[in-house]
Structures are given as structure tokens and as C-alpha cells.
């Protein structure tokens, strides 16, 4: 019930979705179209660079435009929710640039 996407990108310190995220976003929309009963929580995650409050806020701000994009493609917004988790649930070590990159992600979680 959980998919970590590595294809949704944001500008550093920003909640603006970068254009190269479109293929991954379209796959998410297609999955929701194919499974009309599926409801998802869109979770935003960050690495541990910066302070915890800023990372929490940024993760929340990054989850919201993903929900907005998907709903603008015709998916009922009632099937989606946004949640930011900051750096509280790393998927990799924050000790390397690669690990931090892996921790900056959006996850789709089945409700």
C-alpha cells in the first residue's frame, strides 16, 4: 500500500513542481483512473538539512501541489489527502548526498 516516487522533483527549498515530474505525475493519474476505488495520501518527505520546523513545513507544501495536480487531471479530490512528514521517516542515510536525495521524495500511500 505504499509507493515511493523518485520522479517528482521540486526546486530547492520550494514547493514548485519541476516540469520533468510530469511523466511520474501522469503515471499516478493513470493508476487512479485504472483503480476508481483507490484513495491515496500523498506524503511529502525531506532530508535532514535545515531545521525540523522548516522541513516539516516544506514537506507539507510539497505534498499539496501534487494533490492539486492530480485533481486538476480529473481525479476527485475526495480520493486524495496531503501529509507532510519532514525528515521524520528517512528511507536512506542522511550522511551522503545520494542518501539525502533519496530522502527527498513523495510517497503515495493507500488509505
N, C-alpha and C. Protein backbone atom coordinates (compact mmCIF):
# COMPACT_ATOMS: atom_id res chain seq x y z
N UNK A 1 0.78 -1.21 0.00
CA UNK A 1 0.00 0.00 0.00
C UNK A 1 0.82 1.27 0.00
N UNK A 2 2.12 1.20 -0.38
CA UNK A 2 2.97 2.40 -0.36
C UNK A 2 3.91 2.37 -1.56
N UNK A 3 3.97 3.49 -2.28
CA UNK A 3 4.90 3.62 -3.40
C UNK A 3 5.71 4.88 -3.19
N UNK A 4 7.03 4.76 -3.16
CA UNK A 4 7.91 5.92 -3.08
C UNK A 4 8.26 6.33 -4.50
N UNK A 5 7.95 7.55 -4.85
CA UNK A 5 8.28 8.04 -6.19
C UNK A 5 9.61 8.76 -6.12
N UNK A 6 10.43 8.55 -7.11
CA UNK A 6 11.68 9.30 -7.21
C UNK A 6 11.62 10.23 -8.43
N UNK A 7 10.45 10.34 -9.02
CA UNK A 7 10.33 11.14 -10.24
C UNK A 7 9.55 12.43 -10.08
N UNK A 8 9.26 12.82 -8.86
CA UNK A 8 8.59 14.10 -8.64
C UNK A 8 9.63 15.04 -8.02
N UNK A 9 9.96 16.09 -8.76
CA UNK A 9 11.06 16.98 -8.39
C UNK A 9 10.55 18.39 -8.10
N UNK A 10 11.25 19.03 -7.17
CA UNK A 10 10.94 20.41 -6.79
C UNK A 10 12.22 21.22 -6.82
N UNK A 11 12.09 22.52 -7.04
CA UNK A 11 13.24 23.40 -6.90
C UNK A 11 13.67 23.37 -5.43
N UNK A 12 14.95 23.60 -5.19
CA UNK A 12 15.49 23.59 -3.83
C UNK A 12 14.74 24.59 -2.95
N UNK A 13 14.26 24.09 -1.81
CA UNK A 13 13.57 24.95 -0.86
C UNK A 13 12.22 25.45 -1.34
N UNK A 14 11.67 24.85 -2.38
CA UNK A 14 10.44 25.34 -3.00
C UNK A 14 9.40 24.23 -3.09
N UNK A 15 8.14 24.65 -3.24
CA UNK A 15 7.07 23.68 -3.47
C UNK A 15 6.62 23.68 -4.94
N UNK A 16 7.39 24.33 -5.80
CA UNK A 16 7.06 24.36 -7.23
C UNK A 16 7.53 23.06 -7.88
N UNK A 17 6.55 22.33 -8.45
CA UNK A 17 6.87 21.07 -9.12
C UNK A 17 7.61 21.38 -10.42
N UNK A 18 8.73 20.69 -10.63
CA UNK A 18 9.52 20.91 -11.84
C UNK A 18 8.91 20.15 -13.01
N UNK A 19 9.07 20.69 -14.23
CA UNK A 19 8.45 20.09 -15.42
C UNK A 19 8.83 18.63 -15.66
N UNK A 20 10.04 18.23 -15.29
CA UNK A 20 10.45 16.84 -15.53
C UNK A 20 9.70 15.84 -14.64
N UNK A 21 8.83 16.34 -13.77
CA UNK A 21 8.00 15.48 -12.92
C UNK A 21 6.77 14.96 -13.66
N UNK A 22 6.45 15.55 -14.79
CA UNK A 22 5.20 15.24 -15.49
C UNK A 22 5.01 13.75 -15.78
N UNK A 23 6.00 13.01 -16.28
CA UNK A 23 5.74 11.59 -16.54
C UNK A 23 5.32 10.81 -15.29
N UNK A 24 5.95 11.06 -14.17
CA UNK A 24 5.59 10.36 -12.94
C UNK A 24 4.21 10.78 -12.47
N UNK A 25 3.90 12.05 -12.58
CA UNK A 25 2.57 12.52 -12.19
C UNK A 25 1.49 11.90 -13.08
N UNK A 26 1.77 11.80 -14.38
CA UNK A 26 0.80 11.19 -15.29
C UNK A 26 0.59 9.72 -14.98
N UNK A 27 1.66 9.02 -14.58
CA UNK A 27 1.52 7.61 -14.18
C UNK A 27 0.63 7.49 -12.95
N UNK A 28 0.76 8.42 -12.03
CA UNK A 28 -0.07 8.41 -10.83
C UNK A 28 -1.54 8.62 -11.18
N UNK A 29 -1.79 9.55 -12.08
CA UNK A 29 -3.16 9.81 -12.53
C UNK A 29 -3.72 8.57 -13.23
N UNK A 30 -2.93 7.94 -14.10
CA UNK A 30 -3.39 6.74 -14.80
C UNK A 30 -3.72 5.63 -13.81
N UNK A 31 -2.90 5.47 -12.79
CA UNK A 31 -3.17 4.44 -11.78
C UNK A 31 -4.50 4.71 -11.09
N UNK A 32 -4.74 5.96 -10.75
CA UNK A 32 -6.00 6.31 -10.09
C UNK A 32 -7.18 6.14 -11.04
N UNK A 33 -7.01 6.43 -12.33
CA UNK A 33 -8.07 6.20 -13.30
C UNK A 33 -8.36 4.72 -13.45
N UNK A 34 -7.32 3.90 -13.42
CA UNK A 34 -7.49 2.45 -13.57
C UNK A 34 -8.11 1.80 -12.35
N UNK A 35 -7.98 2.43 -11.20
CA UNK A 35 -8.47 1.87 -9.93
C UNK A 35 -9.38 2.90 -9.26
N UNK A 36 -10.62 2.96 -9.72
CA UNK A 36 -11.55 4.00 -9.30
C UNK A 36 -11.86 3.99 -7.81
N UNK A 37 -11.61 2.89 -7.13
CA UNK A 37 -11.88 2.82 -5.70
C UNK A 37 -10.67 3.19 -4.84
N UNK A 38 -9.54 3.45 -5.48
CA UNK A 38 -8.30 3.73 -4.77
C UNK A 38 -8.30 5.15 -4.22
N UNK A 39 -7.94 5.27 -2.94
CA UNK A 39 -7.76 6.57 -2.28
C UNK A 39 -6.33 6.64 -1.78
N UNK A 40 -5.70 7.81 -1.94
CA UNK A 40 -4.30 7.94 -1.59
C UNK A 40 -4.02 9.12 -0.67
N UNK A 41 -3.08 8.92 0.22
CA UNK A 41 -2.47 10.02 0.95
C UNK A 41 -1.15 10.31 0.24
N UNK A 42 -0.95 11.55 -0.13
CA UNK A 42 0.28 11.98 -0.76
C UNK A 42 1.18 12.51 0.35
N UNK A 43 2.28 11.79 0.62
CA UNK A 43 3.19 12.16 1.68
C UNK A 43 4.43 12.85 1.12
N UNK A 44 4.74 14.01 1.67
CA UNK A 44 5.97 14.71 1.32
C UNK A 44 7.03 14.42 2.37
N UNK A 45 8.26 14.17 1.92
CA UNK A 45 9.39 13.88 2.80
C UNK A 45 10.57 14.77 2.41
N UNK A 46 11.41 15.08 3.39
CA UNK A 46 12.61 15.86 3.13
C UNK A 46 13.83 15.13 3.71
N UNK A 47 15.01 15.66 3.40
CA UNK A 47 16.20 15.18 4.08
C UNK A 47 16.31 15.94 5.41
N UNK A 48 17.42 15.79 6.12
CA UNK A 48 17.55 16.43 7.43
C UNK A 48 18.34 17.73 7.40
N UNK A 49 18.62 18.27 6.21
CA UNK A 49 19.33 19.54 6.11
C UNK A 49 18.36 20.66 6.48
N UNK A 50 18.80 21.55 7.34
CA UNK A 50 17.93 22.62 7.80
C UNK A 50 17.26 22.23 9.11
N UNK A 51 16.42 23.12 9.62
CA UNK A 51 15.79 22.81 10.90
C UNK A 51 14.50 22.02 10.70
N UNK A 52 14.10 21.33 11.73
CA UNK A 52 12.95 20.41 11.64
C UNK A 52 11.66 21.13 11.28
N UNK A 53 11.43 22.30 11.85
CA UNK A 53 10.18 23.02 11.57
C UNK A 53 10.10 23.44 10.10
N UNK A 54 11.21 23.91 9.57
CA UNK A 54 11.24 24.31 8.16
C UNK A 54 11.02 23.10 7.25
N UNK A 55 11.67 21.98 7.57
CA UNK A 55 11.49 20.76 6.77
C UNK A 55 10.06 20.25 6.84
N UNK A 56 9.45 20.32 8.01
CA UNK A 56 8.06 19.89 8.16
C UNK A 56 7.16 20.74 7.27
N UNK A 57 7.31 22.03 7.35
CA UNK A 57 6.51 22.94 6.54
C UNK A 57 6.72 22.70 5.05
N UNK A 58 7.98 22.54 4.65
CA UNK A 58 8.29 22.31 3.24
C UNK A 58 7.66 21.01 2.75
N UNK A 59 7.72 19.96 3.56
CA UNK A 59 7.14 18.68 3.14
C UNK A 59 5.63 18.80 2.95
N UNK A 60 4.98 19.56 3.82
CA UNK A 60 3.54 19.78 3.68
C UNK A 60 3.24 20.58 2.41
N UNK A 61 4.05 21.61 2.17
CA UNK A 61 3.85 22.45 0.99
C UNK A 61 4.12 21.69 -0.30
N UNK A 62 4.97 20.67 -0.26
CA UNK A 62 5.26 19.88 -1.46
C UNK A 62 4.19 18.83 -1.73
N UNK A 63 3.58 18.31 -0.70
CA UNK A 63 2.52 17.32 -0.91
C UNK A 63 1.28 17.97 -1.53
N UNK A 64 0.96 19.19 -1.12
CA UNK A 64 -0.25 19.86 -1.57
C UNK A 64 -0.32 20.08 -3.09
N UNK A 65 0.75 20.55 -3.77
CA UNK A 65 0.62 20.74 -5.21
C UNK A 65 0.54 19.43 -5.99
N UNK A 66 1.03 18.35 -5.41
CA UNK A 66 0.87 17.05 -6.06
C UNK A 66 -0.61 16.66 -6.05
N UNK A 67 -1.26 16.86 -4.91
CA UNK A 67 -2.70 16.61 -4.82
C UNK A 67 -3.44 17.51 -5.81
N UNK A 68 -3.05 18.77 -5.86
CA UNK A 68 -3.70 19.71 -6.77
C UNK A 68 -3.54 19.28 -8.22
N UNK A 69 -2.33 18.90 -8.62
CA UNK A 69 -2.08 18.47 -9.99
C UNK A 69 -2.96 17.28 -10.34
N UNK A 70 -2.98 16.28 -9.47
CA UNK A 70 -3.75 15.07 -9.76
C UNK A 70 -5.24 15.39 -9.85
N UNK A 71 -5.75 16.22 -8.96
CA UNK A 71 -7.17 16.56 -9.01
C UNK A 71 -7.51 17.40 -10.24
N UNK A 72 -6.57 18.21 -10.71
CA UNK A 72 -6.80 19.00 -11.93
C UNK A 72 -6.85 18.12 -13.18
N UNK A 73 -6.39 16.88 -13.06
CA UNK A 73 -6.44 15.94 -14.19
C UNK A 73 -7.73 15.12 -14.18
N UNK A 74 -8.68 15.50 -13.33
CA UNK A 74 -9.98 14.85 -13.31
C UNK A 74 -10.19 13.81 -12.21
N UNK A 75 -9.24 13.67 -11.32
CA UNK A 75 -9.39 12.75 -10.19
C UNK A 75 -10.10 13.49 -9.06
N UNK A 76 -11.15 12.90 -8.52
CA UNK A 76 -11.91 13.50 -7.44
C UNK A 76 -10.98 13.79 -6.25
N UNK A 77 -10.93 15.05 -5.83
CA UNK A 77 -10.05 15.46 -4.74
C UNK A 77 -10.40 14.74 -3.44
N UNK A 78 -11.61 14.22 -3.32
CA UNK A 78 -12.01 13.47 -2.14
C UNK A 78 -11.28 12.14 -2.00
N UNK A 79 -10.63 11.72 -3.08
CA UNK A 79 -9.85 10.48 -3.04
C UNK A 79 -8.41 10.71 -2.61
N UNK A 80 -8.06 11.97 -2.35
CA UNK A 80 -6.68 12.34 -2.07
C UNK A 80 -6.57 13.16 -0.79
N UNK A 81 -5.47 12.97 -0.10
CA UNK A 81 -5.14 13.86 1.01
C UNK A 81 -3.64 14.11 0.98
N UNK A 82 -3.22 15.21 1.57
CA UNK A 82 -1.80 15.58 1.60
C UNK A 82 -1.31 15.55 3.03
N UNK A 83 -0.08 15.07 3.19
CA UNK A 83 0.52 15.00 4.52
C UNK A 83 2.01 15.23 4.39
N UNK A 84 2.55 16.07 5.24
CA UNK A 84 3.99 16.30 5.26
C UNK A 84 4.61 15.62 6.46
N UNK A 85 5.73 14.96 6.25
CA UNK A 85 6.41 14.26 7.33
C UNK A 85 7.82 14.79 7.59
N UNK A 86 8.22 15.82 6.87
CA UNK A 86 9.54 16.39 7.08
C UNK A 86 10.62 15.33 6.94
N UNK A 87 11.56 15.33 7.86
CA UNK A 87 12.67 14.38 7.84
C UNK A 87 12.47 13.24 8.83
N UNK A 88 11.22 13.03 9.28
CA UNK A 88 10.96 12.06 10.34
C UNK A 88 11.01 10.60 9.90
N UNK A 89 10.89 10.34 8.61
CA UNK A 89 10.89 8.95 8.12
C UNK A 89 11.84 8.79 6.94
N UNK A 90 13.14 8.87 7.19
CA UNK A 90 14.09 8.73 6.08
C UNK A 90 14.04 7.32 5.49
N UNK A 91 14.24 7.25 4.19
CA UNK A 91 14.31 5.95 3.52
C UNK A 91 15.76 5.51 3.34
N UNK A 92 16.69 6.42 3.61
CA UNK A 92 18.11 6.17 3.41
C UNK A 92 18.89 7.00 4.44
N UNK A 93 20.19 6.84 4.46
CA UNK A 93 21.03 7.61 5.36
C UNK A 93 21.11 9.07 4.89
N UNK A 94 21.13 9.98 5.83
CA UNK A 94 21.32 11.39 5.50
C UNK A 94 22.80 11.77 5.52
N UNK A 95 23.68 10.77 5.59
CA UNK A 95 25.12 11.03 5.70
C UNK A 95 25.81 11.24 4.36
N UNK A 96 25.10 10.98 3.26
CA UNK A 96 25.69 11.15 1.93
C UNK A 96 24.74 11.97 1.05
N UNK A 97 25.25 12.63 0.02
CA UNK A 97 24.37 13.35 -0.90
C UNK A 97 23.34 12.43 -1.55
N UNK A 98 23.75 11.21 -1.89
CA UNK A 98 22.82 10.27 -2.52
C UNK A 98 21.70 9.87 -1.56
N UNK A 99 22.06 9.64 -0.31
CA UNK A 99 21.06 9.29 0.69
C UNK A 99 20.07 10.42 0.91
N UNK A 100 20.59 11.64 1.00
CA UNK A 100 19.70 12.79 1.18
C UNK A 100 18.78 12.94 -0.03
N UNK A 101 19.30 12.71 -1.23
CA UNK A 101 18.46 12.77 -2.44
C UNK A 101 17.33 11.75 -2.35
N UNK A 102 17.63 10.54 -1.89
CA UNK A 102 16.61 9.51 -1.75
C UNK A 102 15.55 9.88 -0.71
N UNK A 103 15.94 10.65 0.28
CA UNK A 103 15.01 11.04 1.32
C UNK A 103 14.08 12.17 0.90
N UNK A 104 14.46 12.91 -0.12
CA UNK A 104 13.61 13.97 -0.65
C UNK A 104 12.69 13.32 -1.68
N UNK A 105 11.50 12.95 -1.22
CA UNK A 105 10.63 12.14 -2.06
C UNK A 105 9.17 12.43 -1.74
N UNK A 106 8.33 11.93 -2.63
CA UNK A 106 6.89 11.92 -2.41
C UNK A 106 6.47 10.46 -2.43
N UNK A 107 5.66 10.07 -1.45
CA UNK A 107 5.16 8.70 -1.41
C UNK A 107 3.65 8.73 -1.57
N UNK A 108 3.15 7.73 -2.29
CA UNK A 108 1.72 7.53 -2.46
C UNK A 108 1.32 6.38 -1.55
N UNK A 109 0.41 6.65 -0.61
CA UNK A 109 0.05 5.65 0.39
C UNK A 109 -1.45 5.38 0.30
N UNK A 110 -1.77 4.11 0.17
CA UNK A 110 -3.17 3.70 0.09
C UNK A 110 -3.87 3.99 1.41
N UNK A 111 -5.04 4.64 1.32
CA UNK A 111 -5.84 4.92 2.53
C UNK A 111 -6.75 3.75 2.82
